[in-house]
Amino acid sequence: MNSIRVSLKRDENGMTAVIEFLSAFTLFLMILTAFLSLAQLEMGSNDTSVDRLDRAAAQGLDRMTSDGGWFVPTFDDGTLDYSNSTSEWHIQPIERLNQGIVLAGLMDGHRLDFNRIDSLSNITEDNLARGLGLSGKYSLYLEIKITESDTPNRANSTLFSGGTERGTAQASSSSFKEIQVGQEKFLLILEIHNGGRKANDLHITEISPRSVSGSPEWIEMYNPNNFAIDMNGWSLTHASPNQNTNLLLRTGVISGNSLTILTGDPNSQNTGNADHIIDLGSEGFLGVGQLNMLNDGGGVVILSYTQLSEFQPYEVMRVTWGGDTGYFLTPSQSLVYIGDVYPPTVEDWETSNNPTPGILP
């Protein structure tokens, strides 16, 4: 009987020891897990793709805020013309600027240069990315805003905001820097994305398919982006009961927040305050005088864009007249976009008896 009690006692002691060991081991694992999690937070992710994004964002913003930057033009064969490089990138014509490589530095000495910030609207997102040395698969988003100012109406205002939205990308990283200029404080934020759909939006704001005798047909477009847009990859389609015309644009750059007139004849075109004039008469898409390329009685013009990574263009905007729309234009009228819906519906247009090419309403 005593031997049985001794055996049970030993079993109880052994079970207690096992339980205590498992409890201690579980506590050890919990402490180890917490330590490793804390270490990962301090050291960053061990995902190499995220590390590359982090490094690209930090280095990119550092390059933009280290000095005034530089511009290197290219020869016709694509090689760099170093002998004509300059640090005055912000005073270069927009066409020349986007035919080379530009590192868009934003500093003049040790101060933020507002002229250089304004000139960001002459650079495409892709050209800025090349100048920062980003991989071709990366896109970016840049924002510059005033966080503090002794002038009330400038506080919390945005000087520049443009690029690819983070929500369209697979992964993203951001870097920011605060810069003091006098009594104002500026915040610069650079986001680098792995992929993402480029923010290439253009708005058709007015169209004149029935020109007054001797005058050209024309289309007015507005670029709502802060970055410039390269017209390579954009296309226009005109469809009517009598004819269909397609035009793939291959050249031209439209600056940010600017107006552009597409015309059948630049020499006789009323341009208003338009920033850019593009001749589509020589391309056979728009007519002048008795040469009608857009159908007077009714038709549709479609503006499309093809992403470099895609094969099919997607429709950005369309405008329709005649037929069931109720928009039957006389030679002295145009069709004006009046809505705030994008892309617009047929109801977002109206006829105007006073066409204003190059002037937004």
Protein backbone atom coordinates (compact mmCIF):
# COMPACT_ATOMS: atom_id res chain seq x y z
CA MET A 1 0.00 0.00 0.00
CA ASN A 2 2.84 2.33 0.85
CA SER A 3 4.50 1.57 -2.48
CA ILE A 4 1.31 2.59 -4.31
CA ARG A 5 1.20 5.91 -2.42
CA VAL A 6 4.84 6.56 -3.29
CA SER A 7 4.17 5.81 -6.96
CA LEU A 8 1.17 8.16 -7.08
CA LYS A 9 3.20 10.85 -5.37
CA ARG A 10 5.92 10.48 -7.96
CA ASP A 11 3.36 10.72 -10.79
CA GLU A 12 1.85 13.87 -9.29
CA ASN A 13 5.27 15.45 -8.91
CA GLY A 14 6.16 14.51 -12.49
CA MET A 15 2.92 15.94 -13.87
CA THR A 16 3.45 19.15 -11.90
CA ALA A 17 6.96 19.44 -13.29
CA VAL A 18 5.69 18.95 -16.86
CA ILE A 19 2.97 21.58 -16.40
CA GLU A 20 5.43 24.06 -14.91
CA PHE A 21 7.85 23.41 -17.77
CA LEU A 22 5.17 23.91 -20.43
CA SER A 23 3.97 27.10 -18.73
CA ALA A 24 7.49 28.48 -18.58
CA PHE A 25 8.14 27.49 -22.20
CA THR A 26 4.90 29.15 -23.34
CA LEU A 27 5.85 32.33 -21.49
CA PHE A 28 9.28 32.19 -23.13
CA LEU A 29 7.70 31.92 -26.59
CA MET A 30 5.41 34.87 -25.87
CA ILE A 31 8.36 37.02 -24.78
CA LEU A 32 10.40 35.92 -27.81
CA THR A 33 7.54 36.72 -30.20
CA ALA A 34 7.07 40.17 -28.67
CA PHE A 35 10.80 40.83 -28.90
CA LEU A 36 10.97 39.80 -32.57
CA SER A 37 7.92 41.94 -33.40
CA LEU A 38 9.50 44.94 -31.70
CA ALA A 39 12.78 44.32 -33.49
CA GLN A 40 10.99 44.19 -36.84
CA LEU A 41 9.23 47.46 -36.11
CA GLU A 42 12.55 49.12 -35.31
CA MET A 43 14.55 47.58 -38.16
CA GLY A 44 11.82 47.57 -40.82
CA SER A 45 10.36 44.86 -42.98
CA ASN A 46 12.55 42.06 -44.27
CA ASP A 47 10.65 42.19 -47.58
CA THR A 48 13.29 43.33 -50.10
CA SER A 49 10.71 44.88 -52.44
CA VAL A 50 9.41 47.09 -49.61
CA ASP A 51 12.99 47.98 -48.67
CA ARG A 52 13.61 49.13 -52.24
CA LEU A 53 10.48 51.30 -52.17
CA ASP A 54 11.54 52.82 -48.83
CA ARG A 55 14.99 53.56 -50.20
CA ALA A 56 13.63 55.02 -53.45
CA ALA A 57 11.28 57.37 -51.58
CA ALA A 58 13.97 58.59 -49.17
CA GLN A 59 16.63 59.04 -51.86
CA GLY A 60 14.19 60.66 -54.28
CA LEU A 61 13.08 63.34 -51.84
CA ASP A 62 16.68 63.91 -50.76
CA ARG A 63 17.70 64.53 -54.39
CA MET A 64 14.88 67.02 -54.87
CA THR A 65 15.78 68.99 -51.74
CA SER A 66 19.60 68.87 -51.85
CA ASP A 67 20.18 71.49 -54.56
CA GLY A 68 18.67 73.17 -57.63
CA GLY A 69 18.83 70.09 -59.85
CA TRP A 70 19.96 69.85 -63.47
CA PHE A 71 18.82 69.19 -67.02
CA VAL A 72 20.62 67.12 -69.66
CA PRO A 73 19.24 67.30 -73.23
CA THR A 74 19.45 64.37 -75.61
CA PHE A 75 20.53 64.00 -79.22
CA ASP A 76 18.17 62.60 -81.86
CA ASP A 77 19.59 59.11 -81.28
CA GLY A 78 18.76 59.30 -77.56
CA THR A 79 22.31 59.78 -76.26
CA LEU A 80 22.86 62.44 -73.62
CA ASP A 81 24.25 65.84 -74.62
CA TYR A 82 26.30 66.55 -71.49
CA SER A 83 28.03 69.58 -73.04
CA ASN A 84 24.72 71.49 -73.03
CA SER A 85 23.55 70.41 -69.58
CA THR A 86 22.44 73.12 -67.17
CA SER A 87 21.29 73.63 -63.61
CA GLU A 88 18.64 76.09 -64.85
CA TRP A 89 16.15 73.36 -65.69
CA HIS A 90 13.18 75.45 -64.60
CA ILE A 91 13.58 78.01 -67.42
CA GLN A 92 13.77 75.48 -70.26
CA PRO A 93 10.92 75.31 -72.82
CA ILE A 94 8.48 72.51 -72.10
CA GLU A 95 9.18 70.64 -75.35
CA ARG A 96 12.94 70.72 -74.75
CA LEU A 97 12.53 69.81 -71.09
CA ASN A 98 10.70 66.60 -71.91
CA GLN A 99 13.17 65.55 -74.59
CA GLY A 100 15.94 65.12 -72.05
CA ILE A 101 16.46 64.06 -68.46
CA VAL A 102 15.71 66.46 -65.63
CA LEU A 103 16.47 66.13 -61.94
CA ALA A 104 13.91 68.55 -60.55
CA GLY A 105 15.81 70.03 -57.63
CA LEU A 106 13.69 72.55 -55.72
CA MET A 107 16.34 74.51 -53.84
CA ASP A 108 18.03 77.82 -54.59
CA GLY A 109 21.01 77.72 -52.28
CA HIS A 110 19.53 76.67 -48.96
CA ARG A 111 16.06 78.04 -49.64
CA LEU A 112 13.02 76.50 -51.29
CA ASP A 113 12.67 78.00 -54.79
CA PHE A 114 9.06 78.80 -55.73
CA ASN A 115 9.99 79.31 -59.40
CA ARG A 116 11.21 75.73 -59.52
CA ILE A 117 8.03 74.52 -57.82
CA ASP A 118 5.95 76.36 -60.45
CA SER A 119 8.01 74.72 -63.20
CA LEU A 120 7.06 71.24 -62.01
CA SER A 121 3.93 71.68 -64.15
CA ASN A 122 6.19 71.53 -67.24
CA ILE A 123 7.44 68.04 -66.36
CA THR A 124 5.62 64.76 -66.87
CA GLU A 125 5.45 62.28 -64.03
CA ASP A 126 7.54 59.82 -66.05
CA ASN A 127 10.25 62.39 -66.72
CA LEU A 128 10.49 63.31 -63.04
CA ALA A 129 10.75 59.60 -62.16
CA ARG A 130 13.59 59.12 -64.67
CA GLY A 131 15.46 62.08 -63.24
CA LEU A 132 15.16 60.63 -59.74
CA GLY A 133 16.61 57.35 -60.99
CA LEU A 134 13.47 55.31 -60.29
CA SER A 135 12.86 51.90 -61.78
CA GLY A 136 10.64 51.91 -64.85
CA LYS A 137 7.99 49.90 -62.99
CA TYR A 138 7.65 52.55 -60.28
CA SER A 139 5.25 55.51 -60.26
CA LEU A 140 5.13 58.45 -57.88
CA TYR A 141 2.96 61.03 -56.17
CA LEU A 142 4.30 64.41 -55.04
CA GLU A 143 2.67 66.90 -52.71
CA ILE A 144 4.00 70.25 -51.50
CA LYS A 145 1.92 72.22 -49.02
CA ILE A 146 2.18 75.04 -46.51
CA THR A 147 1.53 73.83 -42.97
CA GLU A 148 2.23 77.09 -41.11
CA SER A 149 2.19 80.70 -42.28
CA ASP A 150 1.89 84.18 -40.84
CA THR A 151 -0.42 84.94 -43.79
CA PRO A 152 -3.81 83.41 -42.89
CA ASN A 153 -4.95 82.60 -46.44
CA ARG A 154 -1.73 80.68 -47.17
CA ALA A 155 -1.83 78.36 -44.18
CA ASN A 156 -2.83 74.78 -45.13
CA SER A 157 -2.75 75.61 -48.84
CA THR A 158 -1.29 73.22 -51.42
CA LEU A 159 1.35 74.41 -53.88
CA PHE A 160 1.61 71.18 -55.86
CA SER A 161 -0.19 67.85 -55.79
CA GLY A 162 0.00 65.32 -58.58
CA GLY A 163 0.96 61.88 -59.80
CA THR A 164 -0.29 58.33 -59.41
CA GLU A 165 -2.75 57.66 -56.59
CA ARG A 166 -1.62 55.15 -53.97
CA GLY A 167 -4.84 53.12 -54.16
CA THR A 168 -4.06 51.88 -57.69
CA ALA A 169 -0.64 50.43 -56.75
CA GLN A 170 0.42 47.05 -55.35
CA ALA A 171 2.73 48.51 -52.70
CA SER A 172 3.84 51.99 -51.67
CA SER A 173 6.29 53.87 -49.51
CA SER A 174 6.52 57.55 -48.64
CA SER A 175 9.07 60.03 -47.38
CA PHE A 176 8.51 63.55 -46.10
CA LYS A 177 10.56 66.59 -45.18
CA GLU A 178 9.73 69.89 -43.48
CA ILE A 179 11.44 73.07 -44.67
CA GLN A 180 11.25 76.47 -42.99
CA VAL A 181 11.23 79.57 -45.20
CA GLY A 182 10.92 82.79 -43.21
CA GLN A 183 7.72 82.62 -41.17
CA GLU A 184 6.32 79.74 -43.20
CA LYS A 185 6.77 75.99 -42.86
CA PHE A 186 6.46 73.69 -45.87
CA LEU A 187 5.84 69.95 -45.97
CA LEU A 188 7.10 67.93 -48.95
CA ILE A 189 5.77 64.38 -49.37
CA LEU A 190 7.03 61.94 -52.00
CA GLU A 191 5.24 58.62 -52.43
CA ILE A 192 6.79 55.85 -54.53
CA HIS A 193 4.49 53.09 -55.81
CA ASN A 194 5.14 49.69 -57.27
CA GLY A 195 2.94 49.95 -60.37
CA GLY A 196 -0.33 51.88 -60.38
CA ARG A 197 -2.47 53.53 -63.06
CA LYS A 198 -1.06 56.88 -64.15
CA ALA A 199 -3.32 59.88 -63.55
CA ASN A 200 -3.60 60.87 -67.20
CA ASP A 201 -6.85 62.83 -67.35
CA LEU A 202 -7.74 65.34 -70.03
CA HIS A 203 -11.09 67.10 -70.29
CA ILE A 204 -12.76 68.19 -73.52
CA THR A 205 -14.31 71.48 -72.44
CA GLU A 206 -15.65 72.91 -75.73
CA ILE A 207 -15.96 71.80 -79.34
CA SER A 208 -16.91 73.54 -82.59
CA PRO A 209 -17.73 70.95 -85.27
CA ARG A 210 -19.52 73.53 -87.46
CA SER A 211 -17.11 76.35 -88.17
CA VAL A 212 -18.10 79.76 -89.46
CA SER A 213 -17.27 80.20 -93.15
CA GLY A 214 -13.50 80.28 -93.56
CA SER A 215 -12.80 79.36 -89.94
CA PRO A 216 -11.38 76.07 -88.66
CA GLU A 217 -13.03 73.32 -86.67
CA TRP A 218 -11.58 73.14 -83.16
CA ILE A 219 -11.60 71.24 -79.87
CA GLU A 220 -10.66 72.80 -76.52
CA MET A 221 -9.05 70.58 -73.86
CA TYR A 222 -8.07 71.22 -70.24
CA ASN A 223 -5.36 69.38 -68.29
CA PRO A 224 -6.55 69.24 -64.64
CA ASN A 225 -3.34 67.56 -63.45
CA ASN A 226 -0.44 69.47 -61.90
CA PHE A 227 2.01 67.37 -63.90
CA ALA A 228 2.41 67.83 -67.64
CA ILE A 229 0.98 65.16 -69.96
CA ASP A 230 2.85 63.62 -72.87
CA MET A 231 0.42 63.24 -75.78
CA ASN A 232 2.14 60.06 -76.95
CA GLY A 233 -0.41 57.28 -76.42
CA TRP A 234 -3.48 59.51 -76.70
CA SER A 235 -5.95 59.04 -79.54
CA LEU A 236 -9.02 60.75 -81.02
CA THR A 237 -11.89 59.06 -82.81
CA HIS A 238 -14.65 60.74 -84.83
CA ALA A 239 -17.66 58.61 -85.72
CA SER A 240 -20.64 59.75 -87.78
CA PRO A 241 -23.13 58.22 -90.23
CA ASN A 242 -20.91 59.32 -93.12
CA GLN A 243 -17.38 58.59 -91.91
CA ASN A 244 -15.12 57.28 -89.16
CA THR A 245 -11.71 58.81 -88.45
CA ASN A 246 -9.05 57.67 -86.00
CA LEU A 247 -5.94 59.61 -85.03
CA LEU A 248 -3.12 58.38 -82.78
CA LEU A 249 -1.14 61.27 -81.31
CA ARG A 250 2.61 60.67 -81.09
CA THR A 251 4.13 64.03 -80.15
CA GLY A 252 3.40 67.05 -77.99
CA VAL A 253 3.42 67.87 -74.28
CA ILE A 254 0.66 69.71 -72.42
CA SER A 255 1.66 71.52 -69.23
CA GLY A 256 -0.22 71.05 -65.98
CA ASN A 257 -3.43 73.04 -65.39
CA SER A 258 -3.37 74.39 -68.94
CA LEU A 259 -5.72 74.92 -71.89
CA THR A 260 -5.02 73.45 -75.32
CA ILE A 261 -6.70 74.14 -78.66
CA LEU A 262 -6.75 71.38 -81.27
CA THR A 263 -7.48 73.13 -84.55
CA GLY A 264 -7.84 72.60 -88.27
CA ASP A 265 -5.76 75.71 -88.99
CA PRO A 266 -3.51 77.41 -86.39
CA ASN A 267 -3.07 80.53 -88.55
CA SER A 268 -6.76 81.49 -88.57
CA GLN A 269 -7.69 80.04 -85.18
CA ASN A 270 -8.95 82.31 -82.40
CA THR A 271 -6.83 81.04 -79.50
CA GLY A 272 -7.98 83.17 -76.55
CA ASN A 273 -5.76 82.43 -73.55
CA ALA A 274 -4.83 78.92 -74.65
CA ASP A 275 -1.39 77.73 -73.55
CA HIS A 276 -0.91 75.25 -76.39
CA ILE A 277 -2.05 75.08 -80.02
CA ILE A 278 -1.94 71.73 -81.84
CA ASP A 279 -2.49 71.51 -85.59
CA LEU A 280 -4.78 68.60 -86.47
CA GLY A 281 -5.61 69.95 -89.92
CA SER A 282 -2.35 68.59 -91.26
CA GLU A 283 -3.30 65.23 -89.71
CA GLY A 284 -6.62 65.19 -91.57
CA PHE A 285 -8.71 65.09 -88.39
CA LEU A 286 -10.06 68.66 -88.25
CA GLY A 287 -11.11 70.78 -91.20
CA VAL A 288 -11.13 74.45 -92.15
CA GLY A 289 -13.43 76.50 -94.36
CA GLN A 290 -15.32 74.28 -96.80
CA LEU A 291 -13.33 71.22 -95.73
CA ASN A 292 -15.47 69.50 -93.10
CA MET A 293 -13.81 66.68 -91.20
CA LEU A 294 -16.34 66.67 -88.33
CA ASN A 295 -19.88 65.90 -89.43
CA ASP A 296 -22.09 68.99 -89.18
CA GLY A 297 -25.37 67.14 -88.64
CA GLY A 298 -24.23 64.82 -85.89
CA GLY A 299 -21.39 62.70 -84.65
CA VAL A 300 -19.25 61.74 -81.69
CA VAL A 301 -15.66 62.56 -80.75
CA ILE A 302 -13.96 60.15 -78.33
CA LEU A 303 -10.75 60.90 -76.45
CA SER A 304 -8.86 57.76 -75.37
CA TYR A 305 -5.56 56.83 -73.74
CA THR A 306 -3.52 53.64 -73.78
CA GLN A 307 -1.38 52.78 -70.74
CA LEU A 308 2.09 51.53 -71.66
CA SER A 309 1.38 48.25 -69.85
CA GLU A 310 -1.92 47.69 -71.69
CA PHE A 311 -2.91 46.88 -75.26
CA GLN A 312 -6.40 48.35 -75.42
CA PRO A 313 -7.13 52.07 -75.06
CA TYR A 314 -9.63 53.14 -72.46
CA GLU A 315 -12.13 55.87 -73.12
CA VAL A 316 -11.40 59.04 -71.18
CA MET A 317 -14.16 61.29 -72.51
CA ARG A 318 -16.67 61.62 -75.32
CA VAL A 319 -18.86 64.38 -76.73
CA THR A 320 -21.90 63.75 -78.94
CA TRP A 321 -24.04 66.10 -81.02
CA GLY A 322 -27.01 65.69 -83.37
CA GLY A 323 -29.23 62.61 -83.42
CA ASP A 324 -31.09 61.96 -80.16
CA THR A 325 -28.97 64.41 -78.15
CA GLY A 326 -30.95 67.46 -79.21
CA TYR A 327 -27.73 69.39 -79.84
CA PHE A 328 -28.08 70.66 -83.42
CA LEU A 329 -25.46 73.33 -84.00
CA THR A 330 -25.43 76.29 -86.36
CA PRO A 331 -22.09 77.59 -87.71
CA SER A 332 -21.98 80.25 -84.98
CA GLN A 333 -22.45 77.81 -82.09
CA SER A 334 -20.28 75.47 -80.07
CA LEU A 335 -20.92 72.70 -77.56
CA VAL A 336 -19.70 73.50 -74.02
CA TYR A 337 -19.12 71.18 -71.06
CA ILE A 338 -21.04 72.61 -68.09
CA GLY A 339 -21.19 69.72 -65.64
CA ASP A 340 -19.02 68.65 -62.74
CA VAL A 341 -19.43 64.91 -63.37
CA TYR A 342 -16.47 63.05 -64.82
CA PRO A 343 -16.75 61.50 -67.30
CA PRO A 344 -19.76 63.58 -68.38
CA THR A 345 -23.11 62.38 -69.65
CA VAL A 346 -25.02 63.85 -72.59
CA GLU A 347 -26.89 66.12 -70.16
CA ASP A 348 -23.63 67.76 -69.03
CA TRP A 349 -23.31 69.74 -72.28
CA GLU A 350 -25.09 72.75 -73.71
CA THR A 351 -24.97 74.77 -76.91
CA SER A 352 -23.35 78.20 -76.78
CA ASN A 353 -24.11 81.12 -79.09
CA ASN A 354 -20.82 82.72 -78.10
CA PRO A 355 -17.94 80.24 -78.56
CA THR A 356 -14.90 81.01 -76.40
CA PRO A 357 -11.90 78.95 -77.55
CA GLY A 358 -9.03 79.27 -75.09
CA ILE A 359 -11.22 80.68 -72.31
CA LEU A 360 -12.78 78.55 -69.58
CA PRO A 361 -16.25 79.60 -68.39
